[in-house]
Protein backbone atom coordinates (compact mmCIF):
# COMPACT_ATOMS: atom_id res chain seq x y z
CA MET A 1 85.04 113.39 93.46
CA GLY A 2 81.96 112.38 95.54
CA HIS A 3 81.03 109.22 97.14
CA GLY A 4 77.69 108.76 95.58
CA ILE A 5 76.97 105.24 96.77
CA THR A 6 75.81 104.39 100.26
CA ARG A 7 78.09 101.33 100.52
CA ALA A 8 80.99 103.38 99.61
CA VAL A 9 80.36 105.81 102.29
CA TRP A 10 79.88 103.02 104.83
CA SER A 11 83.07 101.26 103.80
CA PHE A 12 85.02 104.56 104.12
CA MET A 13 83.56 105.32 107.62
CA VAL A 14 84.44 101.82 108.77
CA ALA A 15 87.99 102.04 107.53
CA MET A 16 88.49 105.52 108.98
CA ALA A 17 87.26 104.26 112.32
CA LEU A 18 89.69 101.49 112.37
CA THR A 19 92.68 103.57 111.32
CA ALA A 20 91.87 106.27 113.84
CA LEU A 21 92.66 103.68 116.53
CA LEU A 22 96.04 102.66 115.07
CA THR A 23 99.46 104.20 115.06
CA SER A 24 100.71 105.11 111.59
CA CYS A 25 103.51 103.14 109.96
CA SER A 26 105.05 103.87 106.65
CA CYS A 27 105.95 100.95 104.31
CA MET A 28 109.30 101.25 102.62
CA HIS A 29 111.51 98.28 102.19
CA SER A 30 115.22 98.63 102.60
CA GLY A 31 117.67 97.38 100.01
CA THR A 32 118.81 94.62 102.31
CA GLY A 33 115.53 92.91 101.93
CA GLY A 34 115.18 92.47 105.66
CA GLY A 35 112.33 93.53 107.89
CA ALA A 36 111.45 93.59 111.57
CA ASP A 37 109.72 90.66 113.27
CA PRO A 38 107.03 92.68 114.96
CA GLU A 39 106.60 92.24 118.84
CA ASN A 40 103.94 94.96 118.94
CA PRO A 41 101.56 94.73 115.96
CA GLY A 42 99.90 98.01 116.87
CA ASN A 43 103.10 99.86 116.03
CA VAL A 44 104.93 97.73 113.53
CA CYS A 45 103.70 96.71 110.07
CA PRO A 46 105.46 93.46 108.75
CA PRO A 47 107.62 93.19 106.91
CA CYS A 48 108.36 96.95 107.30
CA PRO A 49 110.89 98.46 109.78
CA PRO A 50 109.47 99.84 113.18
CA CYS A 51 107.42 102.99 112.85
CA PRO A 52 109.46 106.12 112.60
CA GLY A 53 106.97 108.18 114.52
CA PRO A 54 104.16 110.57 113.48
CA GLU A 55 104.46 111.89 109.97
CA THR A 56 104.39 115.65 109.47
CA THR A 57 104.91 118.03 106.52
CA PRO A 58 107.33 120.65 107.74
CA PRO A 59 107.28 123.94 105.93
CA ALA A 60 110.87 123.60 104.97
CA ASP A 61 111.85 123.75 101.33
CA PRO A 62 112.68 120.19 100.09
CA LEU A 63 114.99 121.68 97.52
CA ALA A 64 117.08 123.74 99.97
CA GLY A 65 120.79 122.99 99.42
CA SER A 66 120.19 121.43 95.95
CA THR A 67 122.50 122.80 93.23
CA LEU A 68 121.04 120.90 90.34
CA ASP A 69 119.79 123.14 87.41
CA ASP A 70 116.32 121.99 86.24
CA GLY A 71 116.00 124.89 83.73
CA LEU A 72 112.95 126.39 85.52
CA ASP A 73 112.36 129.76 87.02
CA ASP A 74 110.61 130.01 90.44
CA ALA A 75 107.17 130.42 89.04
CA ALA A 76 107.56 127.55 86.56
CA ARG A 77 109.14 125.30 89.15
CA THR A 78 106.27 125.94 91.63
CA GLU A 79 103.69 125.13 88.93
CA PHE A 80 105.53 121.95 87.96
CA ILE A 81 105.48 120.80 91.53
CA ARG A 82 101.79 121.75 91.93
CA ARG A 83 100.79 119.64 88.93
CA ASN A 84 102.67 116.59 90.05
CA ILE A 85 101.58 116.80 93.66
CA ALA A 86 98.03 116.82 92.26
CA ALA A 87 98.67 113.44 90.53
CA THR A 88 100.51 111.83 93.50
CA VAL A 89 98.37 110.22 96.16
CA ARG A 90 98.92 109.07 99.72
CA ILE A 91 98.13 105.40 100.20
CA GLN A 92 96.51 103.99 103.35
CA VAL A 93 96.58 100.20 103.93
CA THR A 94 94.75 98.21 106.57
CA ARG A 95 95.84 94.62 107.20
CA TYR A 96 94.62 91.98 109.46
CA VAL A 97 97.29 89.44 110.64
CA ARG A 98 95.85 86.38 112.26
CA GLY A 99 96.94 86.11 115.94
CA LYS A 100 98.34 89.68 115.81
CA GLY A 101 95.29 91.87 114.99
CA VAL A 102 95.01 94.93 112.70
CA SER A 103 97.86 96.97 111.52
CA TYR A 104 98.09 100.20 109.42
CA CYS A 105 100.65 101.18 106.82
CA GLY A 106 101.03 103.49 104.05
CA GLY A 107 103.03 104.50 100.92
CA THR A 108 102.72 106.60 97.82
CA GLY A 109 100.97 106.20 94.40
CA VAL A 110 100.56 108.01 91.22
CA VAL A 111 97.36 108.44 89.26
CA ILE A 112 97.55 107.32 85.57
CA ASN A 113 93.96 107.66 84.50
CA ASP A 114 90.64 108.61 85.95
CA ARG A 115 90.30 105.18 87.73
CA HIS A 116 93.72 103.77 88.29
CA VAL A 117 96.81 104.28 90.49
CA LEU A 118 100.26 102.74 90.24
CA THR A 119 102.24 101.88 93.32
CA ALA A 120 104.86 99.42 94.56
CA ALA A 121 103.34 96.05 95.10
CA HIS A 122 104.93 95.63 98.62
CA VAL A 123 103.06 98.68 99.73
CA VAL A 124 99.68 96.82 99.24
CA GLU A 125 100.84 93.27 99.87
CA ASN A 126 98.28 91.29 101.86
CA ALA A 127 96.00 94.35 102.20
CA ASP A 128 92.51 94.01 103.56
CA TYR A 129 91.45 97.57 102.83
CA VAL A 130 93.25 100.12 100.47
CA SER A 131 92.37 103.82 100.14
CA VAL A 132 94.14 106.85 98.52
CA THR A 133 94.07 110.42 99.56
CA VAL A 134 94.16 113.11 96.86
CA ARG A 135 96.38 116.07 97.97
CA ARG A 136 97.11 119.70 96.89
CA LEU A 137 99.97 122.13 97.27
CA ASP A 138 99.09 125.12 99.37
CA PRO A 139 99.51 128.63 98.03
CA ASP A 140 102.72 128.86 100.15
CA GLY A 141 104.30 126.61 97.53
CA LEU A 142 105.74 124.37 100.34
CA THR A 143 102.95 122.75 102.35
CA ILE A 144 100.78 119.83 101.13
CA HIS A 145 97.19 119.31 102.43
CA ASP A 146 94.79 116.40 102.03
CA LEU A 147 91.59 116.64 100.11
CA THR A 148 89.55 113.55 99.39
CA THR A 149 89.99 109.87 100.38
CA VAL A 150 88.89 107.35 97.78
CA PRO A 151 88.44 103.46 98.47
CA MET A 152 90.46 101.37 96.02
CA ARG A 153 90.96 97.66 95.29
CA VAL A 154 94.22 95.91 94.06
CA ALA A 155 93.33 95.22 90.41
CA ALA A 156 96.57 93.59 89.43
CA ARG A 157 100.15 92.72 90.78
CA ASP A 158 102.88 90.45 89.35
CA GLU A 159 102.63 87.28 91.35
CA ALA A 160 106.34 87.04 91.47
CA ALA A 161 106.52 90.48 92.84
CA ASN A 162 109.03 91.36 90.14
CA PRO A 163 109.05 94.18 89.16
CA ASP A 164 107.27 94.87 92.41
CA ILE A 165 104.57 97.04 90.90
CA ALA A 166 100.78 97.00 91.45
CA LEU A 167 97.69 98.60 89.84
CA LEU A 168 94.90 99.91 92.05
CA GLU A 169 91.35 100.59 90.84
CA VAL A 170 88.68 102.85 92.08
CA GLU A 171 86.38 100.78 94.21
CA TYR A 172 83.04 102.58 93.48
CA SER A 173 81.98 105.58 91.43
CA ASP A 174 84.74 108.04 92.08
CA ARG A 175 86.95 109.58 89.28
CA PHE A 176 90.35 111.15 89.50
CA VAL A 177 90.69 114.56 87.73
CA ASP A 178 94.44 115.07 87.88
CA VAL A 179 96.41 112.49 85.92
CA MET A 180 100.11 111.98 85.22
CA SER A 181 100.94 111.07 81.56
CA ILE A 182 103.42 108.30 80.92
CA VAL A 183 106.64 108.52 79.02
CA PRO A 184 106.78 107.21 75.46
CA ARG A 185 107.15 103.52 74.95
CA ASN A 186 110.82 103.84 73.82
CA TYR A 187 111.97 106.02 76.73
CA VAL A 188 115.10 104.73 78.49
CA PRO A 189 116.49 106.51 81.61
CA ARG A 190 120.28 107.15 81.07
CA ARG A 191 123.17 107.87 83.32
CA ASP A 192 123.12 111.51 84.71
CA ASP A 193 119.54 112.19 83.45
CA LEU A 194 117.84 114.71 85.69
CA LEU A 195 114.65 113.30 87.24
CA TRP A 196 112.22 114.35 89.99
CA HIS A 197 110.64 112.16 92.66
CA PHE A 198 107.44 112.85 94.54
CA GLY A 199 106.59 110.87 97.78
CA ARG A 200 104.44 111.23 100.80
CA THR A 201 107.36 111.74 103.21
CA THR A 202 110.00 113.40 101.08
CA ARG A 203 107.37 115.50 99.27
CA TRP A 204 109.59 116.31 96.26
CA GLN A 205 113.19 116.24 95.20
CA ARG A 206 115.52 116.41 92.18
CA GLY A 207 118.19 113.88 91.40
CA LYS A 208 120.25 112.08 88.76
CA VAL A 209 120.34 108.61 87.40
CA ILE A 210 123.38 106.54 88.61
CA GLY A 211 122.82 103.61 86.27
CA ARG A 212 120.94 100.31 85.83
CA VAL A 213 121.52 97.80 88.63
CA ALA A 214 123.45 94.58 87.63
CA ALA A 215 121.60 91.40 87.72
CA ASP A 216 123.63 90.07 90.58
CA ASP A 217 123.28 93.14 92.75
CA ARG A 218 121.19 92.21 95.61
CA ARG A 219 120.72 95.75 96.97
CA ALA A 220 117.76 96.44 94.76
CA ASP A 221 116.13 92.97 95.08
CA VAL A 222 114.20 93.67 91.87
CA ARG A 223 115.35 92.72 88.38
CA ASN A 224 116.26 95.69 86.04
CA SER A 225 116.06 98.30 88.76
CA ILE A 226 117.58 101.74 88.18
CA GLU A 227 119.61 103.52 90.82
CA THR A 228 119.41 107.23 91.46
CA ASP A 229 120.80 109.59 94.06
CA PHE A 230 117.34 110.33 95.50
CA LEU A 231 117.19 110.24 99.31
CA VAL A 232 114.24 107.88 99.69
CA GLN A 233 112.45 107.90 102.96
CA PRO A 234 109.89 105.46 104.72
CA GLY A 235 106.60 106.09 102.99
CA ASP A 236 107.98 107.07 99.71
CA SER A 237 107.61 103.51 98.06
CA GLY A 238 105.31 103.61 95.17
CA GLY A 239 105.85 107.38 94.38
CA PRO A 240 106.41 108.56 90.88
CA VAL A 241 109.74 109.25 89.18
CA VAL A 242 109.12 112.12 86.85
CA THR A 243 110.97 113.53 83.87
CA PRO A 244 111.63 117.27 83.56
CA ASP A 245 108.70 117.59 81.15
CA GLY A 246 106.29 116.05 83.70
CA ARG A 247 105.85 112.53 82.48
CA LEU A 248 105.94 109.37 84.61
CA ALA A 249 109.23 107.49 84.19
CA GLY A 250 109.17 105.02 86.96
CA ILE A 251 107.95 103.81 90.38
CA ILE A 252 110.09 104.13 93.45
CA LEU A 253 110.75 100.73 95.09
CA ARG A 254 113.25 101.06 97.97
CA ARG A 255 116.42 102.55 99.22
CA ASP A 256 120.03 101.49 99.83
CA GLU A 257 120.55 101.94 103.56
CA VAL A 258 124.31 102.08 103.16
CA ASN A 259 124.68 104.54 100.23
CA THR A 260 121.38 106.40 100.81
CA THR A 261 120.51 106.00 97.17
CA GLY A 262 117.21 105.00 95.78
CA PHE A 263 115.96 102.34 93.24
CA PHE A 264 113.05 102.57 90.84
CA VAL A 265 111.54 100.48 88.15
CA ALA A 266 111.03 101.88 84.71
CA VAL A 267 107.26 102.39 84.24
CA ASN A 268 107.08 100.76 80.87
CA GLU A 269 108.74 97.51 82.27
CA GLY A 270 106.19 97.57 85.20
CA MET A 271 103.20 98.21 82.94
CA ASP A 272 104.21 95.14 80.73
CA ALA A 273 104.13 92.93 83.84
CA LEU A 274 100.65 94.20 84.85
CA ILE A 275 99.26 93.83 81.35
CA ARG A 276 100.35 90.20 81.33
CA VAL A 277 98.44 89.70 84.51
CA LEU A 278 95.34 91.58 83.30
CA ARG A 279 95.50 90.47 79.80
CA ARG A 280 94.15 93.80 78.62
CA PRO A 281 95.43 97.32 78.12
CA ILE A 282 95.66 99.81 81.02
CA ARG A 283 96.23 103.14 79.44
């Protein structure tokens, strides 16, 4: 994917110059719905918690200690992870807050066609500049490296932020090559279903569905959320929840700080909300 337009190159260079001066912060809302009131806007991205420090990709196996049976041998599992990493992007967001200056946050997104990325709406809330970075899994099968960064714009988000999902669109002439297909329209996650999650911080993990969150359960803060035993980390918001056959089942929203579980919205429910905003099909 090349930047074939001078304006695109200039926009990218300006954004990179800004973000190089800033300390990275990973957006990920907690289940309590609270956030820090920043005293140092250079290191805190409202309404996110304080920055956890520099992000790294340690060469440790994310599945170490997991006893879940995914039905794959080592070679098939590595290929499954490779395909899904290729369709999962790292999101960078630049915001300007009046009286506080510029701040920088990030999250995760998933490519659903050659021009569009899905993510959690709170990741790109009040964004002045959004870009995504395409990544690849290294031959060692453990390390992820960055490839190309692509300028994006927020094409649609539910104004009520419910179900907290947003659609990003390529700003200029770029096209994505690796795309994640979406589950059938009638797909419903059920208790104890095995699912995968891919995120910029956690990288990848397996887990099981705990169940749909009750309407009066304030932990999820989003109607019709689904709870899993994923250990969601700051920066994972917006990442894809994937079925064992490699289809997009949902978008990670947040975590329960007490129970260390994760919440996601079923992708079909989120797409319905976006289609109502766009008044046109997305797929």
